Each structure stands twice: as structure tokens, then as C-alpha cells.
């Protein structure tokens, strides 16, 4: 196992939890994630996780349909809590202790998040699953991932998506799009690439948090990334 990453922040896509269902939470997908995350944790890596909520509700989509933006974003935060509880349950079933934290106080559903509580949980061998994004509206879970990754002093953010890295254009729309093995934050910003939202990218740049974007939906890829295989795109 790669030894230069002692603590990671894993960002998971809510949409990926849908699996082949096209909606909600696919139990098999969550089980697959949990077992692979458990195996990484057993190697001694400390892990914090942030999950999106797009498989249940998106605040921006709700706002487009007339939902108040603040309320819509709060609904999205609740969606991330549902996903976090599902993953925590799957991890515990797989024999891996996990602790759900909420950036909005929701005791006893989850423990109210603070940097020190999350780090303490990781040092005890638990997976720290941080829900509700930043806890404030108008920020995405990408920004929440950047913020919490910086706060808990992660060595890297692993952004697990449905694609195998960053391309010059959307490979699903442009067959000529080519993949980057690595790319700088500045080039992402200059090219306007939709890796993460602008706020999240700038936060990672200013705080020197590298990002690896990879395909999490292919089982074994998380293990391969941690082993140092070049299967995604490194942002530095």
C-alpha cells in the first residue's frame, strides 16, 4: 500500500450510489464501496469521507423548479445525511467502525462536526463520514470536501467519480477529448474545466491539497489509486 498518504479525504458522488437503479441508493453499490474502503482502512490509512446528495435531491435543481434556494440547499444537506448513514451502516456490517458527523447539529442522528472530533475518530480507527457539506447554503459538497480535507489535514483528496479522470472536454460528448495524467490547478482554472466548482478548486490550490480524480465505480480502483497506480488524473 502506498505509504506517503497517511490520511485521505475521499469524496464520493451521490449519483454513483444509484448504481444501475437510476435513482436512490443501490445496496450492492454501497456494499462494494464499504468493503473496499474497509480494506484500505485495515492497511492503516486514516479516512474521512464526504458524499454528495444528487441521487436524492439537488438544491440548484430544486431552485430551478421554484424551491427557495436556501431551503433547497438545506434539503440537499439532508440528502447527504441519508447517504452518509447508508454508507456507515454498510461499513459497520462489513466490520469497519464508522462515525457520521453532521455540519449542522442533528444529534443523535450524527455527531456535530468539528475538526478535532473527526481526527480523533480517525485515530481510533473509525471512518469519519462528514455530511451536510459546509453546513451553509450556496456551497456544494465539492467545497465541503475541500474545506474538510484541509481542516482534517488530509494528505490528498481522492475524488471518486463515474469517469476515469479529467479530459480536455466531456468525453461523453466529444470523442476527440483526451485525458490528462496530471494537470495544475492553474490550468484547470484557465481552461474552465468542470472538475469541481471554482470555490473548491481555489481552496485546494491555496492550501496545497492535491486531488486525484478517478473512476470509483470500477471495483478495485480505490485500492489501485492507493497503491500508486496511474489510473486517474492528479491535480497539483
Protein backbone atom coordinates (compact mmCIF):
# COMPACT_ATOMS: atom_id res chain seq x y z
CA UNK A 1 0.00 0.00 0.00
CA UNK A 2 1.25 3.48 -0.84
CA UNK A 3 2.91 4.88 2.28
CA UNK A 4 3.11 8.61 1.51
CA UNK A 5 -0.66 9.00 2.12
CA UNK A 6 -1.33 8.57 5.82
CA UNK A 7 -4.71 10.32 5.84
CA UNK A 8 -7.09 10.84 2.92
CA UNK A 9 -10.33 12.68 2.22
CA UNK A 10 -12.48 10.58 -0.11
CA UNK A 11 -15.19 12.47 -1.99
CA UNK A 12 -17.95 10.21 -3.30
CA UNK A 13 -20.61 11.17 -5.82
CA UNK A 14 -24.20 10.84 -4.68
CA UNK A 15 -25.18 9.86 -8.21
CA UNK A 16 -22.78 6.91 -8.09
CA UNK A 17 -24.74 5.45 -5.18
CA UNK A 18 -27.67 4.93 -7.57
CA UNK A 19 -25.77 2.11 -9.26
CA UNK A 20 -27.83 0.64 -12.07
CA UNK A 21 -31.14 1.75 -10.49
CA UNK A 22 -31.11 5.32 -11.82
CA UNK A 23 -32.36 6.71 -8.51
CA UNK A 24 -31.90 6.42 -4.75
CA UNK A 25 -29.36 4.06 -3.17
CA UNK A 26 -28.26 0.77 -4.71
CA UNK A 27 -27.45 -1.62 -1.81
CA UNK A 28 -24.90 -3.55 -3.87
CA UNK A 29 -23.02 -0.37 -4.86
CA UNK A 30 -22.87 0.78 -1.23
CA UNK A 31 -21.70 -2.69 -0.14
CA UNK A 32 -18.94 -2.67 -2.77
CA UNK A 33 -17.79 0.78 -1.64
CA UNK A 34 -17.84 -0.24 2.02
CA UNK A 35 -15.77 -3.38 1.51
CA UNK A 36 -13.09 -1.58 -0.48
CA UNK A 37 -12.93 1.32 1.98
CA UNK A 38 -12.68 -1.19 4.85
CA UNK A 39 -9.73 -2.90 3.20
CA UNK A 40 -7.92 0.44 2.76
CA UNK A 41 -8.57 1.33 6.41
CA UNK A 42 -7.19 -2.00 7.56
CA UNK A 43 -3.87 -1.12 5.93
CA UNK A 44 -3.55 1.75 8.41
CA UNK A 45 -4.77 4.66 6.27
CA UNK A 46 -6.93 7.19 8.12
CA UNK A 47 -10.03 8.04 6.08
CA UNK A 48 -12.54 10.88 6.08
CA UNK A 49 -15.41 10.76 3.57
CA UNK A 50 -17.76 13.36 2.12
CA UNK A 51 -20.70 12.16 -0.01
CA UNK A 52 -22.86 14.23 -2.32
CA UNK A 53 -26.65 14.02 -2.32
CA UNK A 54 -27.51 14.25 -6.01
CA UNK A 55 -29.07 10.78 -6.08
CA UNK A 56 -31.80 12.14 -3.79
CA UNK A 57 -32.02 15.92 -4.18
CA UNK A 58 -30.05 18.80 -5.68
CA UNK A 59 -30.57 22.31 -4.33
CA UNK A 60 -29.88 24.00 -7.67
CA UNK A 61 -32.32 21.72 -9.47
CA UNK A 62 -34.92 22.48 -6.83
CA UNK A 63 -34.33 26.22 -7.19
CA UNK A 64 -34.91 25.88 -10.94
CA UNK A 65 -38.33 24.40 -10.14
CA UNK A 66 -39.27 27.21 -7.79
CA UNK A 67 -37.92 25.95 -4.45
CA UNK A 68 -36.32 28.66 -2.34
CA UNK A 69 -32.55 28.34 -2.85
CA UNK A 70 -31.67 28.25 0.84
CA UNK A 71 -34.36 25.67 1.58
CA UNK A 72 -33.31 23.69 -1.49
CA UNK A 73 -29.70 23.59 -0.34
CA UNK A 74 -30.84 22.52 3.12
CA UNK A 75 -32.81 19.70 1.52
CA UNK A 76 -29.62 18.72 -0.31
CA UNK A 77 -27.77 18.66 3.01
CA UNK A 78 -30.34 16.24 4.39
CA UNK A 79 -29.82 14.05 1.32
CA UNK A 80 -26.10 13.81 2.17
CA UNK A 81 -27.02 12.69 5.69
CA UNK A 82 -29.16 9.86 4.29
CA UNK A 83 -26.28 8.72 2.06
CA UNK A 84 -23.80 9.01 4.93
CA UNK A 85 -25.97 6.87 7.21
CA UNK A 86 -26.32 4.26 4.47
CA UNK A 87 -22.55 4.07 3.97
CA UNK A 88 -21.88 4.00 7.73
CA UNK A 89 -24.31 1.10 8.11
CA UNK A 90 -22.66 -0.79 5.24
CA UNK A 91 -19.20 -0.20 6.71
CA UNK A 92 -20.28 -1.47 10.12
CA UNK A 93 -21.85 -4.54 8.50
CA UNK A 94 -18.52 -5.14 6.77
CA UNK A 95 -16.74 -4.98 10.12
CA UNK A 96 -15.37 -1.43 9.84
CA UNK A 97 -16.29 1.12 12.56
CA UNK A 98 -17.59 4.43 11.21
CA UNK A 99 -18.83 7.70 12.68
CA UNK A 100 -21.26 10.05 10.94
CA UNK A 101 -20.66 13.74 11.56
CA UNK A 102 -23.10 16.47 10.56
CA UNK A 103 -22.02 20.04 9.81
CA UNK A 104 -25.47 21.07 11.07
CA UNK A 105 -26.33 19.90 14.59
CA UNK A 106 -28.57 16.82 14.24
CA UNK A 107 -27.82 14.83 17.38
CA UNK A 108 -28.49 11.91 17.80
CA UNK A 109 -28.52 11.25 14.03
CA UNK A 110 -24.87 12.19 13.84
CA UNK A 111 -22.22 13.85 15.97
CA UNK A 112 -21.87 17.59 15.45
CA UNK A 113 -18.77 18.02 13.28
CA UNK A 114 -15.54 19.59 14.41
CA UNK A 115 -12.04 19.07 13.07
CA UNK A 116 -10.82 17.64 16.36
CA UNK A 117 -13.70 15.18 16.77
CA UNK A 118 -13.21 13.90 13.23
CA UNK A 119 -9.45 13.49 13.66
CA UNK A 120 -9.97 11.76 17.00
CA UNK A 121 -12.39 9.30 15.37
CA UNK A 122 -9.87 8.53 12.61
CA UNK A 123 -7.09 7.97 15.14
CA UNK A 124 -9.38 5.45 16.85
CA UNK A 125 -9.63 3.53 13.59
CA UNK A 126 -13.07 4.78 12.57
CA UNK A 127 -14.07 6.14 9.18
CA UNK A 128 -15.16 9.76 9.67
CA UNK A 129 -18.12 10.42 7.35
CA UNK A 130 -18.81 14.16 7.22
CA UNK A 131 -22.27 15.13 5.95
CA UNK A 132 -24.16 18.37 5.23
CA UNK A 133 -21.37 19.85 3.11
CA UNK A 134 -20.11 23.07 4.71
CA UNK A 135 -23.36 23.43 6.70
CA UNK A 136 -24.22 26.61 4.78
CA UNK A 137 -26.29 27.16 1.62
CA UNK A 138 -24.74 28.23 -1.70
CA UNK A 139 -21.80 25.84 -1.25
CA UNK A 140 -21.50 22.47 -2.96
CA UNK A 141 -20.29 19.22 -1.42
CA UNK A 142 -17.14 19.70 -3.52
CA UNK A 143 -16.45 22.82 -1.48
CA UNK A 144 -17.34 20.88 1.66
CA UNK A 145 -14.80 18.23 0.63
CA UNK A 146 -12.08 20.82 0.06
CA UNK A 147 -12.85 22.54 3.36
CA UNK A 148 -12.94 19.36 5.43
CA UNK A 149 -9.92 17.87 3.67
CA UNK A 150 -7.92 20.95 4.60
CA UNK A 151 -9.33 21.00 8.14
CA UNK A 152 -8.52 17.39 8.97
CA UNK A 153 -5.06 17.79 7.41
CA UNK A 154 -5.54 15.14 4.73
CA UNK A 155 -2.56 14.39 2.50
CA UNK A 156 -4.76 14.17 -0.60
CA UNK A 157 -8.36 14.43 -1.76
CA UNK A 158 -9.50 11.43 -3.76
CA UNK A 159 -12.46 12.44 -5.90
CA UNK A 160 -14.29 9.28 -6.90
CA UNK A 161 -16.49 9.89 -9.95
CA UNK A 162 -18.10 8.00 -12.80
CA UNK A 163 -15.27 8.91 -15.22
CA UNK A 164 -11.65 7.81 -15.14
CA UNK A 165 -10.05 11.24 -14.85
CA UNK A 166 -10.01 14.75 -16.27
CA UNK A 167 -10.33 15.32 -20.01
CA UNK A 168 -9.87 18.27 -22.34
CA UNK A 169 -13.65 18.14 -22.88
CA UNK A 170 -16.59 15.96 -21.86
CA UNK A 171 -15.62 12.54 -23.31
CA UNK A 172 -19.29 11.53 -23.48
CA UNK A 173 -19.96 14.46 -25.83
CA UNK A 174 -16.61 14.89 -27.59
CA UNK A 175 -14.97 11.68 -28.90
CA UNK A 176 -11.73 13.60 -29.54
CA UNK A 177 -11.34 14.56 -25.88
CA UNK A 178 -8.02 13.45 -24.38
CA UNK A 179 -7.26 12.55 -20.77
CA UNK A 180 -4.74 14.31 -18.56
CA UNK A 181 -2.44 12.15 -16.42
CA UNK A 182 -1.78 15.25 -14.36
CA UNK A 183 -2.74 18.90 -14.50
CA UNK A 184 -2.14 22.00 -12.39
CA UNK A 185 -4.86 23.91 -10.55
CA UNK A 186 -3.96 26.96 -12.65
CA UNK A 187 -4.53 25.09 -15.93
CA UNK A 188 -7.89 23.80 -14.70
CA UNK A 189 -8.93 27.36 -13.90
CA UNK A 190 -7.54 28.76 -17.16
CA UNK A 191 -9.29 26.09 -19.26
CA UNK A 192 -12.52 26.35 -17.29
CA UNK A 193 -12.61 22.59 -16.77
CA UNK A 194 -15.54 21.34 -14.68
CA UNK A 195 -13.56 19.20 -12.25
CA UNK A 196 -15.05 20.80 -9.16
CA UNK A 197 -16.71 24.11 -8.57
CA UNK A 198 -14.47 27.19 -8.65
CA UNK A 199 -14.51 27.75 -4.88
CA UNK A 200 -13.37 24.18 -4.16
CA UNK A 201 -10.58 24.32 -6.75
CA UNK A 202 -9.23 27.62 -5.43
CA UNK A 203 -9.35 26.36 -1.83
CA UNK A 204 -7.32 23.29 -2.74
CA UNK A 205 -4.84 25.42 -4.70
CA UNK A 206 -4.33 27.95 -1.93
CA UNK A 207 -3.90 25.25 0.72
CA UNK A 208 -1.78 22.88 -1.40
CA UNK A 209 -4.21 19.96 -1.17
CA UNK A 210 -3.58 17.68 -4.18
CA UNK A 211 -6.54 15.96 -5.83
CA UNK A 212 -6.74 12.64 -7.64
CA UNK A 213 -9.81 12.25 -9.85
CA UNK A 214 -10.59 8.62 -10.68
CA UNK A 215 -13.38 6.19 -11.53
CA UNK A 216 -14.72 4.89 -8.21
CA UNK A 217 -17.45 2.81 -9.83
CA UNK A 218 -14.97 0.20 -11.06
CA UNK A 219 -14.34 -2.07 -8.11
CA UNK A 220 -10.68 -2.19 -7.11
CA UNK A 221 -9.82 1.28 -8.39
CA UNK A 222 -9.58 2.84 -4.93
CA UNK A 223 -7.08 0.15 -3.95
CA UNK A 224 -5.15 0.75 -7.16
CA UNK A 225 -5.00 4.51 -6.56
CA UNK A 226 -3.73 3.97 -3.03
CA UNK A 227 -1.11 1.55 -4.40
CA UNK A 228 0.19 4.35 -6.64
CA UNK A 229 -1.12 3.14 -9.99
CA UNK A 230 -1.62 5.88 -12.54
CA UNK A 231 -5.31 5.30 -13.29
CA UNK A 232 -6.79 8.75 -12.76
CA UNK A 233 -5.68 12.37 -13.02
CA UNK A 234 -3.51 14.12 -10.43
CA UNK A 235 -4.28 17.80 -9.81
CA UNK A 236 -1.41 19.66 -8.19
